[in-house]
Amino acid sequence: LAGTENGDIIHQLEYRISRLEGVLLLNKMITESGGKIFATSGKRADFDAAVEKCKEAGGSIATPRNPGENDAIQYFVKYFNTYAYLGIKQSLIPGKFQLLNGTPLSYTNWYANEPSGKGEE
């Protein structure tokens, strides 16, 4: 009996999650790539506030690691006609970049001579 009850609870939770994801997709608040969910509130914030909100939600600020993830982030940039913060920072070596935790980047998709530090990256 306990196994059946647990199965019913899991089924109910999966159904509720599916409905919530559907609403968020309709409202252009989430997209998915490679099993990862990318989400936004659509509101403007500074970098530190964005990092904190991501942590509060149990995630982290987006860092594209492949073309599909880059496309997921660009989806929001285009839809909201704004920029996106990424989990990338300049390393101690000028012109070199790394993840916020210090790991070297394994994927980039910048235009030639970017990022240039002129705010249009």
N, C-alpha and C. Protein backbone atom coordinates (compact mmCIF):
# COMPACT_ATOMS: atom_id res chain seq x y z
N LEU A 1 0.83 -1.20 0.00
CA LEU A 1 0.00 0.00 0.00
C LEU A 1 0.87 1.26 0.00
N ALA A 2 1.94 1.25 0.80
CA ALA A 2 2.80 2.44 0.89
C ALA A 2 3.43 2.75 -0.46
N GLY A 3 3.82 1.71 -1.20
CA GLY A 3 4.41 1.93 -2.52
C GLY A 3 3.43 2.57 -3.47
N THR A 4 2.18 2.16 -3.41
CA THR A 4 1.13 2.73 -4.27
C THR A 4 0.89 4.18 -3.91
N GLU A 5 0.83 4.47 -2.60
CA GLU A 5 0.61 5.85 -2.17
C GLU A 5 1.75 6.75 -2.64
N ASN A 6 2.99 6.26 -2.51
CA ASN A 6 4.13 7.05 -2.97
C ASN A 6 4.07 7.27 -4.47
N GLY A 7 3.66 6.23 -5.20
CA GLY A 7 3.52 6.36 -6.65
C GLY A 7 2.47 7.38 -7.02
N ASP A 8 1.36 7.41 -6.29
CA ASP A 8 0.30 8.38 -6.53
C ASP A 8 0.79 9.80 -6.24
N ILE A 9 1.52 9.96 -5.17
CA ILE A 9 2.05 11.28 -4.81
C ILE A 9 3.02 11.76 -5.88
N ILE A 10 3.89 10.87 -6.31
CA ILE A 10 4.85 11.23 -7.36
C ILE A 10 4.12 11.61 -8.64
N HIS A 11 3.11 10.84 -9.01
CA HIS A 11 2.34 11.14 -10.22
C HIS A 11 1.67 12.51 -10.10
N GLN A 12 1.09 12.80 -8.93
CA GLN A 12 0.44 14.10 -8.72
C GLN A 12 1.45 15.24 -8.81
N LEU A 13 2.63 15.05 -8.23
CA LEU A 13 3.66 16.09 -8.29
C LEU A 13 4.15 16.30 -9.72
N GLU A 14 4.36 15.22 -10.46
CA GLU A 14 4.77 15.34 -11.86
C GLU A 14 3.73 16.10 -12.67
N TYR A 15 2.46 15.81 -12.41
CA TYR A 15 1.37 16.50 -13.11
C TYR A 15 1.37 17.99 -12.79
N ARG A 16 1.52 18.32 -11.50
CA ARG A 16 1.52 19.73 -11.10
C ARG A 16 2.72 20.46 -11.68
N ILE A 17 3.89 19.84 -11.67
CA ILE A 17 5.09 20.45 -12.26
C ILE A 17 4.87 20.69 -13.74
N SER A 18 4.31 19.71 -14.42
CA SER A 18 4.04 19.84 -15.86
C SER A 18 3.11 21.01 -16.14
N ARG A 19 2.08 21.18 -15.34
CA ARG A 19 1.14 22.30 -15.52
C ARG A 19 1.84 23.63 -15.27
N LEU A 20 2.65 23.70 -14.21
CA LEU A 20 3.37 24.94 -13.91
C LEU A 20 4.36 25.28 -15.03
N GLU A 21 5.08 24.28 -15.53
CA GLU A 21 5.99 24.52 -16.64
C GLU A 21 5.24 25.02 -17.86
N GLY A 22 4.06 24.46 -18.11
CA GLY A 22 3.25 24.90 -19.25
C GLY A 22 2.87 26.37 -19.14
N VAL A 23 2.45 26.79 -17.96
CA VAL A 23 2.09 28.19 -17.75
C VAL A 23 3.30 29.09 -17.95
N LEU A 24 4.44 28.69 -17.39
CA LEU A 24 5.66 29.49 -17.54
C LEU A 24 6.10 29.56 -18.99
N LEU A 25 5.98 28.46 -19.72
CA LEU A 25 6.32 28.48 -21.14
C LEU A 25 5.41 29.43 -21.91
N LEU A 26 4.12 29.39 -21.61
CA LEU A 26 3.18 30.28 -22.29
C LEU A 26 3.50 31.74 -22.01
N ASN A 27 3.97 32.03 -20.82
CA ASN A 27 4.28 33.40 -20.44
C ASN A 27 5.72 33.78 -20.77
N LYS A 28 6.41 32.93 -21.52
CA LYS A 28 7.79 33.19 -21.97
C LYS A 28 8.74 33.41 -20.80
N MET A 29 8.53 32.67 -19.70
CA MET A 29 9.35 32.82 -18.51
C MET A 29 10.40 31.72 -18.37
N ILE A 30 10.23 30.60 -19.11
CA ILE A 30 11.23 29.54 -19.08
C ILE A 30 11.45 29.01 -20.49
N THR A 31 12.61 28.44 -20.70
CA THR A 31 12.92 27.68 -21.90
C THR A 31 13.88 26.58 -21.46
N GLU A 32 14.12 25.62 -22.32
CA GLU A 32 14.90 24.45 -21.94
C GLU A 32 15.95 24.16 -23.01
N SER A 33 17.07 23.63 -22.56
CA SER A 33 18.11 23.17 -23.49
C SER A 33 18.91 22.08 -22.82
N GLY A 34 18.98 20.94 -23.45
CA GLY A 34 19.80 19.85 -22.95
C GLY A 34 19.46 19.39 -21.55
N GLY A 35 18.19 19.44 -21.19
CA GLY A 35 17.78 19.01 -19.86
C GLY A 35 17.89 20.10 -18.80
N LYS A 36 18.44 21.25 -19.15
CA LYS A 36 18.52 22.37 -18.22
C LYS A 36 17.36 23.31 -18.48
N ILE A 37 16.84 23.89 -17.41
CA ILE A 37 15.78 24.89 -17.55
C ILE A 37 16.39 26.27 -17.32
N PHE A 38 16.14 27.16 -18.25
CA PHE A 38 16.56 28.56 -18.15
C PHE A 38 15.31 29.37 -17.85
N ALA A 39 15.39 30.24 -16.86
CA ALA A 39 14.21 30.99 -16.44
C ALA A 39 14.56 32.46 -16.24
N THR A 40 13.52 33.29 -16.33
CA THR A 40 13.67 34.72 -16.07
C THR A 40 12.39 35.26 -15.46
N SER A 41 12.54 36.34 -14.74
CA SER A 41 11.36 37.06 -14.26
C SER A 41 10.97 38.13 -15.28
N GLY A 42 11.89 38.43 -16.19
CA GLY A 42 11.65 39.47 -17.17
C GLY A 42 11.90 40.86 -16.63
N LYS A 43 12.32 40.94 -15.39
CA LYS A 43 12.57 42.24 -14.75
C LYS A 43 14.04 42.60 -14.83
N ARG A 44 14.31 43.90 -14.90
CA ARG A 44 15.69 44.38 -14.91
C ARG A 44 16.24 44.36 -13.50
N ALA A 45 17.52 44.06 -13.40
CA ALA A 45 18.21 44.04 -12.10
C ALA A 45 19.69 44.24 -12.37
N ASP A 46 20.43 44.59 -11.32
CA ASP A 46 21.88 44.66 -11.49
C ASP A 46 22.45 43.25 -11.34
N PHE A 47 23.71 43.08 -11.67
CA PHE A 47 24.34 41.77 -11.70
C PHE A 47 24.24 41.06 -10.35
N ASP A 48 24.62 41.74 -9.27
CA ASP A 48 24.61 41.11 -7.95
C ASP A 48 23.20 40.66 -7.55
N ALA A 49 22.20 41.48 -7.85
CA ALA A 49 20.81 41.12 -7.54
C ALA A 49 20.38 39.90 -8.36
N ALA A 50 20.80 39.85 -9.62
CA ALA A 50 20.46 38.71 -10.48
C ALA A 50 21.09 37.43 -9.95
N VAL A 51 22.35 37.50 -9.55
CA VAL A 51 23.04 36.33 -8.98
C VAL A 51 22.30 35.86 -7.74
N GLU A 52 21.92 36.78 -6.88
CA GLU A 52 21.23 36.44 -5.63
C GLU A 52 19.86 35.81 -5.90
N LYS A 53 19.10 36.38 -6.83
CA LYS A 53 17.79 35.82 -7.17
C LYS A 53 17.92 34.40 -7.70
N CYS A 54 18.92 34.17 -8.51
CA CYS A 54 19.15 32.82 -9.04
C CYS A 54 19.44 31.84 -7.90
N LYS A 55 20.28 32.26 -6.95
CA LYS A 55 20.59 31.41 -5.80
C LYS A 55 19.33 31.13 -4.98
N GLU A 56 18.52 32.17 -4.74
CA GLU A 56 17.29 32.00 -3.97
C GLU A 56 16.35 31.00 -4.63
N ALA A 57 16.39 30.94 -5.96
CA ALA A 57 15.51 30.03 -6.70
C ALA A 57 16.11 28.62 -6.80
N GLY A 58 17.31 28.43 -6.23
CA GLY A 58 17.94 27.12 -6.26
C GLY A 58 18.76 26.86 -7.50
N GLY A 59 19.08 27.91 -8.23
CA GLY A 59 19.86 27.75 -9.45
C GLY A 59 21.08 28.63 -9.44
N SER A 60 21.55 28.95 -10.61
CA SER A 60 22.70 29.84 -10.76
C SER A 60 22.48 30.68 -12.00
N ILE A 61 23.21 31.78 -12.06
CA ILE A 61 23.08 32.66 -13.22
C ILE A 61 23.55 31.91 -14.46
N ALA A 62 22.91 32.15 -15.57
CA ALA A 62 23.16 31.38 -16.79
C ALA A 62 24.58 31.55 -17.29
N THR A 63 25.14 30.43 -17.69
CA THR A 63 26.46 30.39 -18.30
C THR A 63 26.39 29.42 -19.47
N PRO A 64 26.38 29.92 -20.70
CA PRO A 64 26.26 29.00 -21.83
C PRO A 64 27.49 28.12 -21.97
N ARG A 65 27.26 26.82 -22.08
CA ARG A 65 28.36 25.87 -22.22
C ARG A 65 28.35 25.18 -23.58
N ASN A 66 27.36 25.55 -24.42
CA ASN A 66 27.28 24.98 -25.76
C ASN A 66 26.31 25.83 -26.58
N PRO A 67 26.23 25.62 -27.89
CA PRO A 67 25.35 26.45 -28.72
C PRO A 67 23.87 26.40 -28.32
N GLY A 68 23.38 25.24 -27.87
CA GLY A 68 21.98 25.14 -27.46
C GLY A 68 21.68 26.00 -26.25
N GLU A 69 22.56 25.99 -25.27
CA GLU A 69 22.38 26.82 -24.09
C GLU A 69 22.50 28.30 -24.45
N ASN A 70 23.40 28.61 -25.35
CA ASN A 70 23.53 29.99 -25.82
C ASN A 70 22.23 30.45 -26.47
N ASP A 71 21.63 29.57 -27.28
CA ASP A 71 20.35 29.89 -27.93
C ASP A 71 19.24 30.10 -26.90
N ALA A 72 19.24 29.30 -25.83
CA ALA A 72 18.23 29.44 -24.79
C ALA A 72 18.32 30.82 -24.13
N ILE A 73 19.54 31.28 -23.89
CA ILE A 73 19.74 32.60 -23.29
C ILE A 73 19.35 33.69 -24.28
N GLN A 74 19.75 33.52 -25.54
CA GLN A 74 19.39 34.51 -26.57
C GLN A 74 17.88 34.62 -26.76
N TYR A 75 17.17 33.55 -26.53
CA TYR A 75 15.71 33.56 -26.61
C TYR A 75 15.14 34.67 -25.72
N PHE A 76 15.63 34.74 -24.48
CA PHE A 76 15.15 35.78 -23.56
C PHE A 76 15.62 37.16 -23.98
N VAL A 77 16.86 37.25 -24.43
CA VAL A 77 17.40 38.54 -24.87
C VAL A 77 16.53 39.11 -25.99
N LYS A 78 16.18 38.28 -26.94
CA LYS A 78 15.36 38.72 -28.07
C LYS A 78 13.92 39.00 -27.64
N TYR A 79 13.35 38.11 -26.84
CA TYR A 79 11.95 38.28 -26.45
C TYR A 79 11.74 39.54 -25.62
N PHE A 80 12.64 39.78 -24.66
CA PHE A 80 12.50 40.95 -23.78
C PHE A 80 13.25 42.17 -24.32
N ASN A 81 13.93 42.02 -25.46
CA ASN A 81 14.67 43.11 -26.09
C ASN A 81 15.59 43.80 -25.09
N THR A 82 16.44 43.01 -24.47
CA THR A 82 17.36 43.52 -23.46
C THR A 82 18.63 42.69 -23.47
N TYR A 83 19.49 42.93 -22.54
CA TYR A 83 20.72 42.16 -22.40
C TYR A 83 20.51 41.08 -21.33
N ALA A 84 21.48 40.20 -21.21
CA ALA A 84 21.46 39.17 -20.17
C ALA A 84 22.81 39.15 -19.48
N TYR A 85 22.78 39.02 -18.18
CA TYR A 85 24.03 38.79 -17.46
C TYR A 85 24.39 37.32 -17.59
N LEU A 86 25.68 37.05 -17.65
CA LEU A 86 26.17 35.68 -17.72
C LEU A 86 27.08 35.42 -16.53
N GLY A 87 27.23 34.16 -16.18
CA GLY A 87 28.09 33.77 -15.07
C GLY A 87 29.54 33.70 -15.48
N ILE A 88 30.02 34.79 -16.05
CA ILE A 88 31.39 34.86 -16.58
C ILE A 88 32.03 36.15 -16.06
N LYS A 89 33.30 36.08 -15.75
CA LYS A 89 34.03 37.27 -15.32
C LYS A 89 35.41 37.28 -15.96
N GLN A 90 36.00 38.46 -15.96
CA GLN A 90 37.36 38.59 -16.49
C GLN A 90 38.33 37.96 -15.51
N SER A 91 39.30 37.23 -16.01
CA SER A 91 40.30 36.61 -15.14
C SER A 91 41.37 37.64 -14.78
N LEU A 92 42.35 37.21 -14.04
CA LEU A 92 43.44 38.11 -13.68
C LEU A 92 44.27 38.50 -14.90
N ILE A 93 44.16 37.72 -15.96
CA ILE A 93 44.86 38.02 -17.22
C ILE A 93 43.92 38.87 -18.07
N PRO A 94 44.27 40.12 -18.34
CA PRO A 94 43.40 40.99 -19.13
C PRO A 94 43.02 40.35 -20.47
N GLY A 95 41.75 40.44 -20.80
CA GLY A 95 41.27 39.90 -22.05
C GLY A 95 40.89 38.43 -21.99
N LYS A 96 41.15 37.78 -20.87
CA LYS A 96 40.79 36.37 -20.67
C LYS A 96 39.62 36.30 -19.69
N PHE A 97 38.74 35.35 -19.91
CA PHE A 97 37.54 35.24 -19.09
C PHE A 97 37.39 33.84 -18.51
N GLN A 98 36.62 33.75 -17.42
CA GLN A 98 36.42 32.49 -16.74
C GLN A 98 35.02 32.47 -16.11
N LEU A 99 34.61 31.29 -15.66
CA LEU A 99 33.35 31.19 -14.93
C LEU A 99 33.49 31.89 -13.58
N LEU A 100 32.39 32.21 -12.95
CA LEU A 100 32.44 32.91 -11.67
C LEU A 100 33.22 32.14 -10.62
N ASN A 101 33.25 30.80 -10.72
CA ASN A 101 33.98 29.99 -9.74
C ASN A 101 35.46 29.85 -10.10
N GLY A 102 35.92 30.52 -11.17
CA GLY A 102 37.32 30.50 -11.56
C GLY A 102 37.68 29.47 -12.61
N THR A 103 36.73 28.62 -12.99
CA THR A 103 36.97 27.60 -14.02
C THR A 103 37.14 28.27 -15.39
N PRO A 104 38.13 27.83 -16.17
CA PRO A 104 38.28 28.39 -17.52
C PRO A 104 37.05 28.13 -18.38
N LEU A 105 36.78 29.01 -19.31
CA LEU A 105 35.66 28.83 -20.23
C LEU A 105 35.98 27.71 -21.21
N SER A 106 34.98 26.89 -21.48
CA SER A 106 35.15 25.84 -22.48
C SER A 106 34.34 26.15 -23.74
N TYR A 107 33.51 27.21 -23.67
CA TYR A 107 32.68 27.60 -24.82
C TYR A 107 32.53 29.11 -24.82
N THR A 108 32.73 29.71 -25.98
CA THR A 108 32.42 31.12 -26.19
C THR A 108 31.82 31.27 -27.57
N ASN A 109 31.09 32.35 -27.76
CA ASN A 109 30.47 32.63 -29.05
C ASN A 109 30.42 34.15 -29.26
N TRP A 110 31.58 34.78 -29.05
CA TRP A 110 31.63 36.22 -29.16
C TRP A 110 31.98 36.64 -30.57
N TYR A 111 31.54 37.85 -30.93
CA TYR A 111 31.97 38.45 -32.18
C TYR A 111 33.45 38.77 -32.10
N ALA A 112 34.07 38.97 -33.24
CA ALA A 112 35.48 39.33 -33.28
C ALA A 112 35.71 40.58 -32.43
N ASN A 113 36.79 40.61 -31.71
CA ASN A 113 37.21 41.74 -30.85
C ASN A 113 36.26 41.98 -29.67
N GLU A 114 35.47 41.00 -29.29
CA GLU A 114 34.59 41.11 -28.14
C GLU A 114 34.99 40.03 -27.12
N PRO A 115 34.69 40.24 -25.89
CA PRO A 115 34.14 41.46 -25.31
C PRO A 115 35.17 42.57 -25.28
N SER A 116 34.70 43.76 -25.52
CA SER A 116 35.59 44.91 -25.64
C SER A 116 35.54 45.83 -24.42
N GLY A 117 34.60 45.58 -23.50
CA GLY A 117 34.47 46.44 -22.32
C GLY A 117 33.70 47.71 -22.61
N LYS A 118 33.04 47.79 -23.75
CA LYS A 118 32.29 48.98 -24.11
C LYS A 118 30.80 48.84 -23.80
N GLY A 119 30.41 47.78 -23.06
CA GLY A 119 29.02 47.64 -22.64
C GLY A 119 28.08 47.07 -23.65
N GLU A 120 28.57 46.64 -24.80
CA GLU A 120 27.70 46.11 -25.86
C GLU A 120 28.04 44.64 -26.15
N GLU A 121 28.63 43.98 -25.20
CA GLU A 121 29.05 42.60 -25.44
C GLU A 121 27.87 41.69 -25.70
